[in-house]
Amino acid sequence: GVVSTQSTGGISRDSVHKRRKTGGKRPIVRKKRKFELGRPAANTKIGVKRVRSLRTMGGNQKFRALRLDTGNFAWASEGITRKSRVLDVVYNASNNELVRTKTLVKNAIIQIDSTPFRQWYEAHYGVTAGRKKKTEEKVEDATSKSNHVQRKIEARKADSKIGQLLDDQFNTGRLYACIASRPGQSGRCDGYILEGKELEFYLKKIKMKKSK
């Protein structure tokens, strides 16, 4: 819908004020309607959680996140989801201004804390994520596990390969992720970790942006 602010103020999503396809003006024969209203943008920022509820049409609710600092992020190739801290906004295809102001919106590319995912990876595969750390042997862990658990972990090790680019990120302690929820509508900042071709694509975009 088209958002317009008419002389009476307020944000309206009506099409009554629009011209005809041929360019002619249409007479306005009625007032604004409640169902045509628009509301100010949430402009969710990174900070201590601050969410406001709104009454919407039909007595339903929307949740305006004004500030958020955590979210649930899925690691699709491993089939797990972990709660992680949101650290920074690095890229937005629609508007660079949203990167400068660190605004959390759907499809924004952000950096999250890798710790919860690294801990799961180490516990599940018995291998440390990040190539630099893989040289370190964890002797103390081996002694505290039963033979059955050790055999199970050894069997999993064959599948413990993660992409080179994702592996490098574990060394920095930050992972690139994409927001899949709508923070200004649902009050949550959930998404998924970037990997494979998609990660490659966005790394290229971020690099180009920095070189300008």
N, C-alpha and C. Protein backbone atom coordinates (compact mmCIF):
# COMPACT_ATOMS: atom_id res chain seq x y z
N GLY A 1 0.81 -1.20 0.00
CA GLY A 1 0.00 0.00 0.00
C GLY A 1 0.85 1.25 0.00
N VAL A 2 0.29 2.35 -0.48
CA VAL A 2 1.01 3.62 -0.52
C VAL A 2 0.81 4.32 0.80
N VAL A 3 1.89 4.78 1.41
CA VAL A 3 1.80 5.50 2.67
C VAL A 3 1.79 6.98 2.36
N SER A 4 0.77 7.68 2.83
CA SER A 4 0.70 9.12 2.60
C SER A 4 0.34 9.84 3.88
N THR A 5 0.84 11.05 4.03
CA THR A 5 0.47 11.87 5.16
C THR A 5 -0.29 13.07 4.62
N GLN A 6 -1.59 13.08 4.84
CA GLN A 6 -2.41 14.17 4.32
C GLN A 6 -2.42 15.33 5.29
N SER A 7 -3.07 16.43 4.87
CA SER A 7 -3.03 17.67 5.64
C SER A 7 -3.53 17.52 7.08
N THR A 8 -4.41 16.51 7.31
CA THR A 8 -4.95 16.33 8.65
C THR A 8 -3.95 15.62 9.57
N GLY A 9 -2.81 15.21 9.04
CA GLY A 9 -1.80 14.51 9.84
C GLY A 9 -2.07 13.02 9.85
N GLY A 10 -1.25 12.27 10.60
CA GLY A 10 -1.43 10.82 10.65
C GLY A 10 -0.87 10.14 9.41
N ILE A 11 -0.62 8.85 9.53
CA ILE A 11 -0.06 8.08 8.41
C ILE A 11 -1.19 7.25 7.82
N SER A 12 -1.44 7.42 6.54
CA SER A 12 -2.56 6.75 5.88
C SER A 12 -2.06 5.85 4.76
N ARG A 13 -2.70 4.67 4.61
CA ARG A 13 -2.31 3.73 3.55
C ARG A 13 -3.39 3.63 2.48
N ASP A 14 -4.18 4.67 2.36
CA ASP A 14 -5.30 4.61 1.42
C ASP A 14 -4.85 4.90 -0.01
N SER A 15 -5.76 4.64 -0.97
CA SER A 15 -5.47 4.97 -2.37
C SER A 15 -6.49 5.98 -2.89
N VAL A 16 -7.30 6.55 -1.96
CA VAL A 16 -8.34 7.50 -2.34
C VAL A 16 -7.73 8.76 -2.94
N HIS A 17 -6.57 9.15 -2.44
CA HIS A 17 -5.95 10.41 -2.87
C HIS A 17 -5.15 10.25 -4.18
N LYS A 18 -5.04 9.01 -4.68
CA LYS A 18 -4.24 8.77 -5.88
C LYS A 18 -4.99 9.19 -7.14
N ARG A 19 -4.24 9.55 -8.18
CA ARG A 19 -4.86 9.89 -9.46
C ARG A 19 -5.26 8.62 -10.23
N ARG A 20 -6.09 8.82 -11.23
CA ARG A 20 -6.47 7.69 -12.08
C ARG A 20 -5.29 7.28 -12.95
N LYS A 21 -5.39 6.08 -13.56
CA LYS A 21 -4.34 5.57 -14.42
C LYS A 21 -4.06 6.56 -15.58
N THR A 22 -5.11 7.24 -16.02
CA THR A 22 -4.98 8.18 -17.14
C THR A 22 -4.40 9.53 -16.71
N GLY A 23 -4.28 9.73 -15.39
CA GLY A 23 -3.71 11.00 -14.89
C GLY A 23 -4.74 11.96 -14.35
N GLY A 24 -6.01 11.63 -14.51
CA GLY A 24 -7.07 12.53 -14.02
C GLY A 24 -7.20 12.45 -12.51
N LYS A 25 -7.68 13.55 -11.93
CA LYS A 25 -7.89 13.59 -10.48
C LYS A 25 -9.21 12.92 -10.13
N ARG A 26 -9.23 12.23 -8.99
CA ARG A 26 -10.47 11.61 -8.53
C ARG A 26 -11.05 12.42 -7.39
N PRO A 27 -12.34 12.63 -7.35
CA PRO A 27 -12.93 13.37 -6.23
C PRO A 27 -12.86 12.51 -4.96
N ILE A 28 -12.57 13.14 -3.83
CA ILE A 28 -12.53 12.39 -2.56
C ILE A 28 -13.95 12.43 -1.99
N VAL A 29 -14.59 11.27 -1.94
CA VAL A 29 -16.01 11.21 -1.54
C VAL A 29 -16.21 10.71 -0.11
N ARG A 30 -15.15 10.36 0.56
CA ARG A 30 -15.31 9.90 1.95
C ARG A 30 -14.09 10.27 2.78
N LYS A 31 -14.28 10.18 4.09
CA LYS A 31 -13.18 10.48 5.01
C LYS A 31 -12.24 9.27 5.09
N LYS A 32 -11.17 9.46 5.86
CA LYS A 32 -10.24 8.34 6.09
C LYS A 32 -10.93 7.26 6.89
N ARG A 33 -10.45 6.05 6.76
CA ARG A 33 -11.00 4.92 7.52
C ARG A 33 -9.94 4.35 8.46
N LYS A 34 -10.41 3.79 9.56
CA LYS A 34 -9.49 3.23 10.56
C LYS A 34 -8.64 2.11 9.95
N PHE A 35 -9.25 1.31 9.06
CA PHE A 35 -8.51 0.17 8.48
C PHE A 35 -7.43 0.60 7.49
N GLU A 36 -7.39 1.90 7.17
CA GLU A 36 -6.37 2.41 6.25
C GLU A 36 -5.20 3.07 6.97
N LEU A 37 -5.20 2.95 8.30
CA LEU A 37 -4.14 3.66 9.04
C LEU A 37 -2.77 3.02 8.85
N GLY A 38 -1.74 3.83 9.06
CA GLY A 38 -0.37 3.34 9.10
C GLY A 38 0.23 3.79 10.43
N ARG A 39 1.29 3.13 10.85
CA ARG A 39 1.92 3.52 12.13
C ARG A 39 3.39 3.85 11.91
N PRO A 40 3.97 4.63 12.83
CA PRO A 40 5.40 4.97 12.68
C PRO A 40 6.27 3.71 12.73
N ALA A 41 7.40 3.74 12.04
CA ALA A 41 8.31 2.58 12.01
C ALA A 41 8.92 2.36 13.40
N ALA A 42 9.24 1.10 13.71
CA ALA A 42 9.80 0.76 15.03
C ALA A 42 11.26 1.18 15.13
N ASN A 43 12.02 1.07 14.01
CA ASN A 43 13.46 1.37 14.00
C ASN A 43 14.19 0.70 15.16
N THR A 44 14.06 -0.61 15.24
CA THR A 44 14.65 -1.40 16.33
C THR A 44 16.17 -1.25 16.37
N LYS A 45 16.70 -0.93 17.54
CA LYS A 45 18.15 -0.76 17.71
C LYS A 45 18.72 -1.89 18.58
N ILE A 46 20.05 -1.96 18.63
CA ILE A 46 20.70 -2.98 19.47
C ILE A 46 20.84 -2.40 20.88
N GLY A 47 20.31 -3.11 21.86
CA GLY A 47 20.38 -2.64 23.24
C GLY A 47 19.58 -3.56 24.14
N VAL A 48 19.50 -3.22 25.42
CA VAL A 48 18.76 -4.04 26.38
C VAL A 48 17.29 -4.11 25.96
N LYS A 49 16.74 -5.32 25.98
CA LYS A 49 15.40 -5.60 25.44
C LYS A 49 14.35 -4.59 25.91
N ARG A 50 13.67 -3.99 24.92
CA ARG A 50 12.58 -3.07 25.21
C ARG A 50 11.49 -3.29 24.15
N VAL A 51 10.39 -3.91 24.56
CA VAL A 51 9.32 -4.26 23.62
C VAL A 51 8.00 -3.66 24.11
N ARG A 52 7.24 -3.07 23.19
CA ARG A 52 5.93 -2.50 23.51
C ARG A 52 4.86 -3.27 22.75
N SER A 53 3.70 -3.48 23.38
CA SER A 53 2.61 -4.18 22.69
C SER A 53 1.62 -3.17 22.12
N LEU A 54 0.98 -3.54 21.00
CA LEU A 54 0.01 -2.67 20.33
C LEU A 54 -1.28 -3.43 20.12
N ARG A 55 -2.39 -2.76 20.31
CA ARG A 55 -3.66 -3.39 19.96
C ARG A 55 -3.90 -3.13 18.47
N THR A 56 -4.19 -4.18 17.74
CA THR A 56 -4.39 -4.04 16.30
C THR A 56 -5.79 -4.50 15.92
N MET A 57 -6.06 -4.56 14.62
CA MET A 57 -7.39 -4.89 14.13
C MET A 57 -7.86 -6.26 14.64
N GLY A 58 -9.09 -6.32 15.07
CA GLY A 58 -9.65 -7.57 15.57
C GLY A 58 -9.25 -7.86 17.00
N GLY A 59 -8.69 -6.87 17.70
CA GLY A 59 -8.27 -7.06 19.08
C GLY A 59 -6.99 -7.88 19.21
N ASN A 60 -6.31 -8.10 18.07
CA ASN A 60 -5.04 -8.84 18.10
C ASN A 60 -3.92 -7.94 18.57
N GLN A 61 -2.74 -8.53 18.73
CA GLN A 61 -1.60 -7.75 19.22
C GLN A 61 -0.40 -7.83 18.30
N LYS A 62 0.32 -6.72 18.22
CA LYS A 62 1.64 -6.71 17.59
C LYS A 62 2.63 -6.32 18.67
N PHE A 63 3.87 -6.71 18.48
CA PHE A 63 4.89 -6.37 19.47
C PHE A 63 5.99 -5.56 18.81
N ARG A 64 6.09 -4.30 19.21
CA ARG A 64 7.11 -3.39 18.67
C ARG A 64 8.39 -3.55 19.48
N ALA A 65 9.41 -4.11 18.89
CA ALA A 65 10.70 -4.17 19.57
C ALA A 65 11.41 -2.84 19.31
N LEU A 66 11.69 -2.10 20.37
CA LEU A 66 12.41 -0.84 20.24
C LEU A 66 13.91 -1.07 20.38
N ARG A 67 14.25 -2.03 21.25
CA ARG A 67 15.65 -2.45 21.41
C ARG A 67 15.71 -3.95 21.65
N LEU A 68 16.68 -4.60 21.03
CA LEU A 68 16.89 -6.05 21.24
C LEU A 68 18.38 -6.34 21.24
N ASP A 69 18.80 -7.31 22.02
CA ASP A 69 20.23 -7.66 22.01
C ASP A 69 20.47 -9.16 21.85
N THR A 70 19.38 -9.95 21.79
CA THR A 70 19.54 -11.40 21.60
C THR A 70 18.48 -11.93 20.64
N GLY A 71 18.71 -13.14 20.13
CA GLY A 71 17.73 -13.78 19.25
C GLY A 71 18.05 -15.25 19.10
N ASN A 72 17.11 -16.01 18.56
CA ASN A 72 17.34 -17.43 18.27
C ASN A 72 17.80 -17.58 16.83
N PHE A 73 18.95 -18.22 16.65
CA PHE A 73 19.51 -18.36 15.31
C PHE A 73 19.72 -19.83 14.97
N ALA A 74 19.30 -20.19 13.77
CA ALA A 74 19.38 -21.59 13.33
C ALA A 74 20.66 -21.84 12.55
N TRP A 75 21.28 -22.97 12.80
CA TRP A 75 22.42 -23.44 12.01
C TRP A 75 21.86 -24.56 11.13
N ALA A 76 21.41 -24.19 9.93
CA ALA A 76 20.59 -25.10 9.11
C ALA A 76 21.28 -26.41 8.78
N SER A 77 22.57 -26.37 8.40
CA SER A 77 23.25 -27.60 7.97
C SER A 77 23.43 -28.58 9.13
N GLU A 78 23.44 -28.06 10.37
CA GLU A 78 23.58 -28.95 11.53
C GLU A 78 22.23 -29.25 12.18
N GLY A 79 21.19 -28.51 11.76
CA GLY A 79 19.85 -28.75 12.29
C GLY A 79 19.68 -28.36 13.74
N ILE A 80 20.37 -27.29 14.18
CA ILE A 80 20.23 -26.84 15.57
C ILE A 80 19.92 -25.34 15.62
N THR A 81 19.38 -24.92 16.73
CA THR A 81 19.10 -23.49 16.97
C THR A 81 19.59 -23.13 18.36
N ARG A 82 20.23 -21.98 18.46
CA ARG A 82 20.73 -21.51 19.76
C ARG A 82 20.45 -20.03 19.94
N LYS A 83 20.25 -19.64 21.20
CA LYS A 83 20.07 -18.22 21.51
C LYS A 83 21.44 -17.57 21.53
N SER A 84 21.56 -16.43 20.84
CA SER A 84 22.87 -15.79 20.75
C SER A 84 22.75 -14.28 20.81
N ARG A 85 23.83 -13.62 21.21
CA ARG A 85 23.84 -12.15 21.30
C ARG A 85 24.01 -11.52 19.93
N VAL A 86 23.27 -10.44 19.68
CA VAL A 86 23.44 -9.67 18.45
C VAL A 86 24.52 -8.62 18.72
N LEU A 87 25.56 -8.61 17.87
CA LEU A 87 26.71 -7.73 18.12
C LEU A 87 26.73 -6.51 17.22
N ASP A 88 26.35 -6.67 15.95
CA ASP A 88 26.50 -5.55 15.01
C ASP A 88 25.65 -5.77 13.76
N VAL A 89 25.31 -4.67 13.08
CA VAL A 89 24.64 -4.75 11.77
C VAL A 89 25.69 -4.40 10.72
N VAL A 90 25.90 -5.29 9.74
CA VAL A 90 27.00 -5.09 8.79
C VAL A 90 26.56 -4.82 7.35
N TYR A 91 25.34 -5.25 7.00
CA TYR A 91 24.90 -5.05 5.61
C TYR A 91 23.39 -5.04 5.53
N ASN A 92 22.87 -4.17 4.65
CA ASN A 92 21.44 -4.16 4.37
C ASN A 92 21.23 -3.83 2.90
N ALA A 93 20.62 -4.74 2.17
CA ALA A 93 20.47 -4.58 0.72
C ALA A 93 19.59 -3.38 0.36
N SER A 94 18.65 -3.04 1.25
CA SER A 94 17.70 -1.99 0.90
C SER A 94 18.20 -0.58 1.19
N ASN A 95 19.02 -0.42 2.23
CA ASN A 95 19.38 0.94 2.64
C ASN A 95 20.64 0.95 3.51
N ASN A 96 21.66 1.67 3.07
CA ASN A 96 22.90 1.78 3.86
C ASN A 96 22.70 2.55 5.16
N GLU A 97 21.70 3.42 5.16
CA GLU A 97 21.40 4.22 6.36
C GLU A 97 21.05 3.32 7.53
N LEU A 98 20.41 2.18 7.24
CA LEU A 98 20.02 1.23 8.29
C LEU A 98 21.23 0.51 8.88
N VAL A 99 22.33 0.47 8.12
CA VAL A 99 23.58 -0.12 8.63
C VAL A 99 24.26 0.90 9.54
N ARG A 100 24.29 2.16 9.08
CA ARG A 100 24.95 3.22 9.84
C ARG A 100 24.28 3.42 11.20
N THR A 101 22.95 3.35 11.21
CA THR A 101 22.20 3.55 12.46
C THR A 101 22.01 2.24 13.24
N LYS A 102 22.55 1.13 12.71
CA LYS A 102 22.45 -0.21 13.33
C LYS A 102 20.99 -0.57 13.66
N THR A 103 20.14 -0.47 12.63
CA THR A 103 18.72 -0.78 12.78
C THR A 103 18.46 -2.24 12.41
N LEU A 104 17.74 -2.94 13.29
CA LEU A 104 17.44 -4.36 13.06
C LEU A 104 16.12 -4.49 12.31
N VAL A 105 16.20 -4.96 11.06
CA VAL A 105 15.00 -5.21 10.26
C VAL A 105 15.14 -6.58 9.60
N LYS A 106 14.03 -7.07 9.04
CA LYS A 106 14.08 -8.37 8.37
C LYS A 106 15.07 -8.34 7.21
N ASN A 107 15.81 -9.41 7.06
CA ASN A 107 16.79 -9.60 5.98
C ASN A 107 18.07 -8.78 6.14
N ALA A 108 18.23 -8.11 7.28
CA ALA A 108 19.50 -7.41 7.53
C ALA A 108 20.56 -8.45 7.85
N ILE A 109 21.80 -8.18 7.43
CA ILE A 109 22.91 -9.10 7.74
C ILE A 109 23.60 -8.57 8.98
N ILE A 110 23.67 -9.43 10.00
CA ILE A 110 24.24 -9.01 11.29
C ILE A 110 25.36 -9.95 11.71
N GLN A 111 26.07 -9.54 12.76
CA GLN A 111 27.08 -10.42 13.37
C GLN A 111 26.57 -10.85 14.73
N ILE A 112 26.69 -12.15 15.01
CA ILE A 112 26.25 -12.67 16.30
C ILE A 112 27.42 -13.39 17.00
N ASP A 113 27.26 -13.61 18.28
CA ASP A 113 28.29 -14.29 19.08
C ASP A 113 28.33 -15.78 18.72
N SER A 114 29.52 -16.29 18.43
CA SER A 114 29.64 -17.69 17.97
C SER A 114 29.71 -18.70 19.13
N THR A 115 29.87 -18.21 20.38
CA THR A 115 30.12 -19.10 21.52
C THR A 115 29.11 -20.25 21.68
N PRO A 116 27.77 -19.99 21.65
CA PRO A 116 26.83 -21.12 21.84
C PRO A 116 26.98 -22.21 20.79
N PHE A 117 27.28 -21.81 19.55
CA PHE A 117 27.41 -22.77 18.46
C PHE A 117 28.73 -23.54 18.56
N ARG A 118 29.78 -22.84 18.98
CA ARG A 118 31.09 -23.48 19.13
C ARG A 118 31.02 -24.53 20.25
N GLN A 119 30.35 -24.16 21.35
CA GLN A 119 30.22 -25.09 22.48
C GLN A 119 29.45 -26.35 22.08
N TRP A 120 28.36 -26.16 21.31
CA TRP A 120 27.59 -27.32 20.85
C TRP A 120 28.44 -28.19 19.93
N TYR A 121 29.17 -27.55 19.03
CA TYR A 121 29.99 -28.27 18.04
C TYR A 121 31.05 -29.13 18.74
N GLU A 122 31.68 -28.54 19.75
CA GLU A 122 32.72 -29.27 20.50
C GLU A 122 32.14 -30.44 21.26
N ALA A 123 30.95 -30.23 21.87
CA ALA A 123 30.31 -31.30 22.64
C ALA A 123 29.80 -32.42 21.73
N HIS A 124 29.32 -32.05 20.55
CA HIS A 124 28.71 -33.02 19.64
C HIS A 124 29.73 -33.84 18.86
N TYR A 125 30.79 -33.16 18.38
CA TYR A 125 31.77 -33.83 17.52
C TYR A 125 33.10 -34.12 18.22
N GLY A 126 33.31 -33.50 19.37
CA GLY A 126 34.59 -33.68 20.06
C GLY A 126 35.73 -33.02 19.32
N VAL A 127 35.41 -32.06 18.45
CA VAL A 127 36.40 -31.34 17.65
C VAL A 127 36.16 -29.85 17.87
N THR A 128 37.23 -29.07 17.95
CA THR A 128 37.07 -27.64 18.17
C THR A 128 36.81 -26.94 16.85
N ALA A 129 35.82 -26.05 16.83
CA ALA A 129 35.52 -25.28 15.62
C ALA A 129 36.56 -24.18 15.45
N GLY A 130 36.98 -23.94 14.23
CA GLY A 130 38.04 -22.96 13.96
C GLY A 130 39.34 -23.69 13.74
N ARG A 131 39.98 -23.48 12.59
CA ARG A 131 41.15 -24.28 12.23
C ARG A 131 42.33 -24.10 13.18
N LYS A 132 42.53 -22.87 13.67
CA LYS A 132 43.67 -22.60 14.56
C LYS A 132 43.59 -23.45 15.83
N LYS A 133 42.35 -23.60 16.32
CA LYS A 133 42.16 -24.30 17.59
C LYS A 133 42.14 -25.81 17.44
N LYS A 134 42.01 -26.30 16.21
CA LYS A 134 41.89 -27.75 16.01
C LYS A 134 43.15 -28.50 16.41
N THR A 135 44.26 -27.80 16.48
CA THR A 135 45.52 -28.45 16.85
C THR A 135 45.55 -28.80 18.34
N GLU A 136 44.77 -28.08 19.12
CA GLU A 136 44.75 -28.33 20.57
C GLU A 136 44.02 -29.64 20.87
N GLU A 137 44.63 -30.47 21.64
CA GLU A 137 44.00 -31.74 22.02
C GLU A 137 43.33 -31.57 23.38
N LYS A 138 42.14 -32.10 23.50
CA LYS A 138 41.42 -31.99 24.77
C LYS A 138 41.54 -33.31 25.53
N VAL A 139 42.61 -33.44 26.29
CA VAL A 139 42.88 -34.71 26.98
C VAL A 139 41.95 -34.89 28.16
N GLU A 140 41.67 -33.80 28.88
CA GLU A 140 40.86 -33.90 30.10
C GLU A 140 39.43 -34.34 29.79
N ASP A 141 38.92 -33.99 28.59
CA ASP A 141 37.56 -34.38 28.23
C ASP A 141 37.46 -35.88 27.99
N ALA A 142 38.49 -36.45 27.38
CA ALA A 142 38.48 -37.87 27.02
C ALA A 142 38.34 -38.75 28.25
N THR A 143 38.92 -38.35 29.36
CA THR A 143 38.89 -39.17 30.56
C THR A 143 37.53 -39.19 31.23
N SER A 144 36.75 -38.11 31.06
CA SER A 144 35.48 -38.01 31.77
C SER A 144 34.30 -38.64 31.02
N LYS A 145 34.54 -39.21 29.83
CA LYS A 145 33.45 -39.79 29.05
C LYS A 145 33.51 -41.31 29.05
N SER A 146 32.33 -41.93 29.03
CA SER A 146 32.27 -43.40 29.00
C SER A 146 32.68 -43.91 27.62
N ASN A 147 33.01 -45.18 27.53
CA ASN A 147 33.42 -45.79 26.27
C ASN A 147 32.34 -45.64 25.20
N HIS A 148 31.08 -45.80 25.63
CA HIS A 148 29.96 -45.71 24.69
C HIS A 148 29.90 -44.31 24.06
N VAL A 149 30.01 -43.29 24.91
CA VAL A 149 29.94 -41.90 24.43
C VAL A 149 31.13 -41.60 23.52
N GLN A 150 32.32 -42.09 23.92
CA GLN A 150 33.52 -41.86 23.10
C GLN A 150 33.37 -42.48 21.71
N ARG A 151 32.82 -43.70 21.66
CA ARG A 151 32.61 -44.37 20.36
C ARG A 151 31.63 -43.58 19.50
N LYS A 152 30.58 -43.06 20.16
CA LYS A 152 29.56 -42.29 19.46
C LYS A 152 30.17 -41.03 18.84
N ILE A 153 31.00 -40.33 19.62
CA ILE A 153 31.65 -39.09 19.15
C ILE A 153 32.64 -39.40 18.02
N GLU A 154 33.38 -40.50 18.16
CA GLU A 154 34.34 -40.90 17.11
C GLU A 154 33.62 -41.15 15.79
N ALA A 155 32.44 -41.78 15.88
CA ALA A 155 31.66 -42.07 14.67
C ALA A 155 31.16 -40.79 14.01
N ARG A 156 30.88 -39.77 14.83
CA ARG A 156 30.38 -38.50 14.29
C ARG A 156 31.47 -37.67 13.61
N LYS A 157 32.71 -37.88 14.02
CA LYS A 157 33.81 -37.03 13.54
C LYS A 157 33.93 -36.98 12.02
N ALA A 158 33.54 -38.06 11.37
CA ALA A 158 33.61 -38.10 9.89
C ALA A 158 32.71 -37.03 9.27
N ASP A 159 31.61 -36.67 9.96
CA ASP A 159 30.66 -35.68 9.43
C ASP A 159 30.92 -34.27 9.97
N SER A 160 32.06 -34.08 10.62
CA SER A 160 32.28 -32.80 11.31
C SER A 160 32.90 -31.71 10.44
N LYS A 161 32.78 -31.86 9.13
CA LYS A 161 33.35 -30.85 8.23
C LYS A 161 32.41 -29.65 8.11
N ILE A 162 32.95 -28.46 8.34
CA ILE A 162 32.17 -27.25 8.07
C ILE A 162 32.93 -26.43 7.03
N GLY A 163 32.22 -25.57 6.34
CA GLY A 163 32.82 -24.79 5.25
C GLY A 163 34.00 -23.96 5.70
N GLN A 164 34.93 -23.75 4.80
CA GLN A 164 36.15 -22.98 5.07
C GLN A 164 35.83 -21.57 5.60
N LEU A 165 34.87 -20.89 4.94
CA LEU A 165 34.53 -19.51 5.33
C LEU A 165 33.92 -19.47 6.72
N LEU A 166 33.05 -20.44 7.03
CA LEU A 166 32.42 -20.50 8.34
C LEU A 166 33.44 -20.86 9.41
N ASP A 167 34.36 -21.73 9.05
CA ASP A 167 35.44 -22.13 9.95
C ASP A 167 36.29 -20.92 10.36
N ASP A 168 36.59 -20.07 9.38
CA ASP A 168 37.39 -18.87 9.66
C ASP A 168 36.68 -17.94 10.63
N GLN A 169 35.34 -17.89 10.54
CA GLN A 169 34.58 -17.00 11.42
C GLN A 169 34.61 -17.45 12.87
N PHE A 170 34.66 -18.76 13.08
CA PHE A 170 34.74 -19.26 14.45
C PHE A 170 36.00 -18.77 15.15
N ASN A 171 37.08 -18.52 14.36
CA ASN A 171 38.31 -17.98 14.94
C ASN A 171 38.13 -16.56 15.46
N THR A 172 37.26 -15.78 14.78
CA THR A 172 37.04 -14.39 15.19
C THR A 172 36.05 -14.28 16.34
N GLY A 173 35.25 -15.34 16.56
CA GLY A 173 34.26 -15.30 17.64
C GLY A 173 32.94 -14.68 17.21
N ARG A 174 32.83 -14.33 15.90
CA ARG A 174 31.60 -13.72 15.38
C ARG A 174 31.14 -14.46 14.13
N LEU A 175 29.84 -14.69 14.03
CA LEU A 175 29.29 -15.34 12.84
C LEU A 175 28.34 -14.38 12.12
N TYR A 176 28.32 -14.45 10.80
CA TYR A 176 27.37 -13.65 10.03
C TYR A 176 26.02 -14.38 10.03
N ALA A 177 24.96 -13.61 10.25
CA ALA A 177 23.61 -14.20 10.26
C ALA A 177 22.64 -13.26 9.56
N CYS A 178 21.52 -13.82 9.16
CA CYS A 178 20.48 -13.03 8.48
C CYS A 178 19.22 -13.06 9.36
N ILE A 179 18.59 -11.90 9.54
CA ILE A 179 17.37 -11.83 10.34
C ILE A 179 16.19 -12.31 9.49
N ALA A 180 15.44 -13.27 10.00
CA ALA A 180 14.30 -13.83 9.26
C ALA A 180 12.96 -13.37 9.83
N SER A 181 12.96 -12.91 11.10
CA SER A 181 11.71 -12.43 11.70
C SER A 181 11.58 -10.92 11.45
N ARG A 182 10.46 -10.35 11.87
CA ARG A 182 10.26 -8.91 11.70
C ARG A 182 10.21 -8.26 13.08
N PRO A 183 11.34 -7.71 13.56
CA PRO A 183 11.41 -7.19 14.94
C PRO A 183 10.33 -6.16 15.29
N GLY A 184 9.94 -5.34 14.32
CA GLY A 184 8.93 -4.32 14.59
C GLY A 184 7.51 -4.85 14.64
N GLN A 185 7.29 -6.11 14.23
CA GLN A 185 5.96 -6.71 14.21
C GLN A 185 5.82 -7.81 15.26
N SER A 186 6.86 -8.65 15.38
CA SER A 186 6.78 -9.79 16.30
C SER A 186 7.54 -9.56 17.61
N GLY A 187 8.37 -8.50 17.64
CA GLY A 187 9.13 -8.21 18.85
C GLY A 187 10.29 -9.16 19.06
N ARG A 188 10.69 -9.88 18.01
CA ARG A 188 11.79 -10.85 18.13
C ARG A 188 12.80 -10.64 17.01
N CYS A 189 14.03 -11.03 17.31
CA CYS A 189 15.09 -10.92 16.30
C CYS A 189 15.67 -12.32 16.07
N ASP A 190 14.96 -13.13 15.29
CA ASP A 190 15.38 -14.50 15.02
C ASP A 190 15.87 -14.62 13.58
N GLY A 191 16.74 -15.59 13.33
CA GLY A 191 17.25 -15.74 11.97
C GLY A 191 18.05 -17.01 11.80
N TYR A 192 18.98 -16.96 10.85
CA TYR A 192 19.79 -18.15 10.56
C TYR A 192 21.22 -17.74 10.23
N ILE A 193 22.15 -18.64 10.49
CA ILE A 193 23.57 -18.40 10.20
C ILE A 193 23.80 -18.52 8.70
N LEU A 194 24.59 -17.61 8.16
CA LEU A 194 24.91 -17.66 6.73
C LEU A 194 25.99 -18.70 6.49
N GLU A 195 25.81 -19.51 5.47
CA GLU A 195 26.84 -20.49 5.10
C GLU A 195 26.76 -20.80 3.61
N GLY A 196 27.80 -21.43 3.10
CA GLY A 196 27.82 -21.83 1.69
C GLY A 196 27.81 -20.66 0.73
N LYS A 197 27.05 -20.80 -0.36
CA LYS A 197 26.99 -19.80 -1.43
C LYS A 197 26.47 -18.46 -0.92
N GLU A 198 25.51 -18.52 0.00
CA GLU A 198 24.91 -17.29 0.52
C GLU A 198 25.93 -16.48 1.32
N LEU A 199 26.71 -17.17 2.13
CA LEU A 199 27.77 -16.49 2.90
C LEU A 199 28.80 -15.88 1.95
N GLU A 200 29.17 -16.64 0.94
CA GLU A 200 30.13 -16.17 -0.07
C GLU A 200 29.62 -14.88 -0.72
N PHE A 201 28.33 -14.89 -1.09
CA PHE A 201 27.70 -13.74 -1.74
C PHE A 201 27.76 -12.49 -0.86
N TYR A 202 27.38 -12.63 0.41
CA TYR A 202 27.32 -11.47 1.30
C TYR A 202 28.71 -10.98 1.71
N LEU A 203 29.67 -11.90 1.82
CA LEU A 203 31.06 -11.48 2.13
C LEU A 203 31.60 -10.61 1.01
N LYS A 204 31.24 -10.98 -0.23
CA LYS A 204 31.66 -10.20 -1.41
C LYS A 204 31.04 -8.80 -1.36
N LYS A 205 29.76 -8.76 -1.01
CA LYS A 205 29.04 -7.48 -0.93
C LYS A 205 29.63 -6.57 0.15
N ILE A 206 29.93 -7.17 1.32
CA ILE A 206 30.48 -6.40 2.44
C ILE A 206 31.87 -5.87 2.08
N LYS A 207 32.65 -6.71 1.39
CA LYS A 207 34.00 -6.31 0.97
C LYS A 207 33.93 -5.13 -0.02
N MET A 208 32.97 -5.22 -0.96
CA MET A 208 32.80 -4.14 -1.95
C MET A 208 32.41 -2.83 -1.26
N LYS A 209 31.55 -2.94 -0.24
CA LYS A 209 31.08 -1.76 0.48
C LYS A 209 32.24 -1.08 1.22
N LYS A 210 33.12 -1.92 1.79
CA LYS A 210 34.26 -1.38 2.54
C LYS A 210 35.28 -0.71 1.61
N SER A 211 35.43 -1.26 0.41
CA SER A 211 36.45 -0.75 -0.52
C SER A 211 36.05 0.59 -1.17
N LYS A 212 34.75 0.93 -1.05
CA LYS A 212 34.29 2.18 -1.67
C LYS A 212 34.80 3.40 -0.92
